[in-house]
Amino acid sequence: MAAFDEEAVFGPKLKKPAAHEIGQNLDDLSELELAERIGLLKGEIERLEGAILSRQATRTAAAAAFKA
């Protein structure tokens, strides 16, 4: 007898999103999953702050070049 192929009947299992979505329902997340999301968001904040600093440096360099 062939094995029951659950995926063929019900489709592939749903995977949790890899990233947090702003406003996402938090009810189904465990304490560990919430802590992981916080880490993800803190890392993203650092990346965004780095992008801001980079743009500020570019703007400062351009302003200095045009003042000379």
N, C-alpha and C. Protein backbone atom coordinates (compact mmCIF):
# COMPACT_ATOMS: atom_id res chain seq x y z
N MET A 1 0.84 -1.18 0.00
CA MET A 1 0.00 0.00 0.00
C MET A 1 0.89 1.25 0.00
N ALA A 2 0.55 2.23 -0.79
CA ALA A 2 1.34 3.46 -0.90
C ALA A 2 1.15 4.32 0.34
N ALA A 3 2.20 5.04 0.69
CA ALA A 3 2.13 5.94 1.85
C ALA A 3 1.21 7.11 1.53
N PHE A 4 0.54 7.60 2.55
CA PHE A 4 -0.35 8.74 2.40
C PHE A 4 0.48 10.00 2.20
N ASP A 5 0.23 10.69 1.11
CA ASP A 5 0.97 11.91 0.80
C ASP A 5 0.14 13.11 1.25
N GLU A 6 0.38 13.55 2.47
CA GLU A 6 -0.38 14.65 3.05
C GLU A 6 -0.24 15.93 2.22
N GLU A 7 0.95 16.18 1.71
CA GLU A 7 1.18 17.40 0.93
C GLU A 7 0.38 17.39 -0.37
N ALA A 8 0.21 16.22 -0.96
CA ALA A 8 -0.55 16.13 -2.20
C ALA A 8 -2.02 16.44 -1.96
N VAL A 9 -2.52 16.11 -0.78
CA VAL A 9 -3.93 16.34 -0.47
C VAL A 9 -4.17 17.75 0.03
N PHE A 10 -3.34 18.20 0.98
CA PHE A 10 -3.57 19.48 1.64
C PHE A 10 -2.69 20.61 1.13
N GLY A 11 -1.74 20.32 0.28
CA GLY A 11 -0.81 21.33 -0.20
C GLY A 11 0.37 21.45 0.75
N PRO A 12 1.37 22.23 0.37
CA PRO A 12 2.55 22.36 1.24
C PRO A 12 2.18 23.04 2.56
N LYS A 13 2.91 22.66 3.61
CA LYS A 13 2.67 23.28 4.91
C LYS A 13 3.03 24.75 4.85
N LEU A 14 2.23 25.57 5.51
CA LEU A 14 2.50 27.00 5.54
C LEU A 14 3.71 27.26 6.43
N LYS A 15 4.59 28.13 5.95
CA LYS A 15 5.77 28.50 6.72
C LYS A 15 5.51 29.85 7.36
N LYS A 16 6.09 30.04 8.54
CA LYS A 16 5.98 31.34 9.19
C LYS A 16 6.81 32.35 8.41
N PRO A 17 6.38 33.58 8.36
CA PRO A 17 7.17 34.58 7.64
C PRO A 17 8.55 34.72 8.25
N ALA A 18 9.55 34.92 7.41
CA ALA A 18 10.92 35.05 7.88
C ALA A 18 11.13 36.38 8.59
N ALA A 19 10.37 37.37 8.24
CA ALA A 19 10.52 38.69 8.83
C ALA A 19 9.23 39.12 9.49
N HIS A 20 9.34 40.07 10.36
CA HIS A 20 8.17 40.59 11.05
C HIS A 20 7.46 41.60 10.15
N GLU A 21 6.16 41.58 10.20
CA GLU A 21 5.36 42.56 9.47
C GLU A 21 4.77 43.53 10.48
N ILE A 22 4.90 44.80 10.22
CA ILE A 22 4.37 45.82 11.12
C ILE A 22 2.86 45.62 11.25
N GLY A 23 2.37 45.60 12.47
CA GLY A 23 0.94 45.42 12.72
C GLY A 23 0.50 43.96 12.72
N GLN A 24 1.44 43.05 12.58
CA GLN A 24 1.14 41.62 12.53
C GLN A 24 0.52 41.17 13.85
N ASN A 25 -0.42 40.22 13.78
CA ASN A 25 -1.03 39.64 14.97
C ASN A 25 0.04 38.88 15.74
N LEU A 26 0.18 39.16 17.02
CA LEU A 26 1.22 38.55 17.84
C LEU A 26 0.70 37.39 18.69
N ASP A 27 -0.59 37.14 18.65
CA ASP A 27 -1.21 36.14 19.51
C ASP A 27 -0.65 34.74 19.33
N ASP A 28 -0.26 34.37 18.14
CA ASP A 28 0.19 33.01 17.86
C ASP A 28 1.70 32.82 18.02
N LEU A 29 2.42 33.87 18.42
CA LEU A 29 3.87 33.78 18.56
C LEU A 29 4.26 33.46 20.00
N SER A 30 5.25 32.59 20.16
CA SER A 30 5.75 32.23 21.48
C SER A 30 6.67 33.34 22.00
N GLU A 31 7.05 33.22 23.25
CA GLU A 31 7.98 34.18 23.85
C GLU A 31 9.31 34.18 23.08
N LEU A 32 9.80 33.00 22.72
CA LEU A 32 11.04 32.90 21.95
C LEU A 32 10.90 33.56 20.58
N GLU A 33 9.78 33.33 19.91
CA GLU A 33 9.55 33.94 18.59
C GLU A 33 9.47 35.45 18.70
N LEU A 34 8.84 35.95 19.76
CA LEU A 34 8.77 37.40 19.96
C LEU A 34 10.16 37.98 20.18
N ALA A 35 10.99 37.28 20.98
CA ALA A 35 12.36 37.74 21.22
C ALA A 35 13.16 37.74 19.91
N GLU A 36 12.94 36.73 19.06
CA GLU A 36 13.62 36.69 17.77
C GLU A 36 13.20 37.85 16.90
N ARG A 37 11.91 38.19 16.92
CA ARG A 37 11.41 39.32 16.14
C ARG A 37 12.04 40.62 16.62
N ILE A 38 12.17 40.77 17.95
CA ILE A 38 12.80 41.97 18.50
C ILE A 38 14.24 42.08 17.99
N GLY A 39 14.96 40.97 18.00
CA GLY A 39 16.33 40.97 17.48
C GLY A 39 16.38 41.35 16.01
N LEU A 40 15.44 40.81 15.23
CA LEU A 40 15.35 41.16 13.81
C LEU A 40 15.12 42.65 13.62
N LEU A 41 14.18 43.19 14.39
CA LEU A 41 13.85 44.61 14.26
C LEU A 41 14.98 45.51 14.72
N LYS A 42 15.68 45.12 15.80
CA LYS A 42 16.82 45.92 16.25
C LYS A 42 17.92 45.93 15.18
N GLY A 43 18.15 44.78 14.55
CA GLY A 43 19.13 44.71 13.47
C GLY A 43 18.72 45.58 12.30
N GLU A 44 17.45 45.60 11.99
CA GLU A 44 16.96 46.43 10.89
C GLU A 44 17.09 47.91 11.22
N ILE A 45 16.82 48.28 12.46
CA ILE A 45 16.98 49.67 12.89
C ILE A 45 18.43 50.10 12.73
N GLU A 46 19.38 49.25 13.13
CA GLU A 46 20.80 49.56 12.96
C GLU A 46 21.16 49.74 11.49
N ARG A 47 20.61 48.89 10.64
CA ARG A 47 20.88 48.98 9.20
C ARG A 47 20.33 50.30 8.64
N LEU A 48 19.12 50.67 9.07
CA LEU A 48 18.51 51.92 8.60
C LEU A 48 19.29 53.13 9.10
N GLU A 49 19.74 53.09 10.36
CA GLU A 49 20.54 54.20 10.89
C GLU A 49 21.86 54.32 10.13
N GLY A 50 22.45 53.19 9.75
CA GLY A 50 23.67 53.22 8.95
C GLY A 50 23.44 53.85 7.59
N ALA A 51 22.28 53.56 6.99
CA ALA A 51 21.94 54.15 5.69
C ALA A 51 21.76 55.66 5.82
N ILE A 52 21.17 56.10 6.91
CA ILE A 52 21.01 57.53 7.15
C ILE A 52 22.38 58.20 7.26
N LEU A 53 23.28 57.61 8.05
CA LEU A 53 24.62 58.18 8.21
C LEU A 53 25.36 58.24 6.88
N SER A 54 25.20 57.22 6.07
CA SER A 54 25.85 57.19 4.75
C SER A 54 25.34 58.33 3.87
N ARG A 55 24.04 58.54 3.89
CA ARG A 55 23.46 59.61 3.07
C ARG A 55 23.87 60.99 3.57
N GLN A 56 23.95 61.13 4.89
CA GLN A 56 24.40 62.40 5.46
C GLN A 56 25.84 62.68 5.06
N ALA A 57 26.69 61.66 5.09
CA ALA A 57 28.09 61.83 4.69
C ALA A 57 28.20 62.20 3.22
N THR A 58 27.38 61.58 2.38
CA THR A 58 27.38 61.91 0.95
C THR A 58 26.95 63.35 0.74
N ARG A 59 25.90 63.77 1.44
CA ARG A 59 25.40 65.14 1.30
C ARG A 59 26.44 66.14 1.79
N THR A 60 27.12 65.83 2.90
CA THR A 60 28.16 66.71 3.43
C THR A 60 29.34 66.84 2.47
N ALA A 61 29.75 65.71 1.90
CA ALA A 61 30.85 65.72 0.93
C ALA A 61 30.48 66.53 -0.32
N ALA A 62 29.26 66.37 -0.79
CA ALA A 62 28.81 67.11 -1.98
C ALA A 62 28.76 68.59 -1.69
N ALA A 63 28.26 68.96 -0.51
CA ALA A 63 28.19 70.37 -0.14
C ALA A 63 29.58 70.97 -0.04
N ALA A 64 30.52 70.23 0.49
CA ALA A 64 31.90 70.72 0.61
C ALA A 64 32.53 70.89 -0.77
N ALA A 65 32.23 69.98 -1.68
CA ALA A 65 32.81 70.03 -3.02
C ALA A 65 32.28 71.25 -3.79
N PHE A 66 31.04 71.61 -3.59
CA PHE A 66 30.46 72.73 -4.33
C PHE A 66 30.78 74.08 -3.70
N LYS A 67 31.20 74.09 -2.43
CA LYS A 67 31.57 75.34 -1.77
C LYS A 67 32.98 75.74 -2.14
N ALA A 68 33.80 74.80 -2.55
CA ALA A 68 35.22 75.08 -2.84
C ALA A 68 35.42 75.85 -4.10
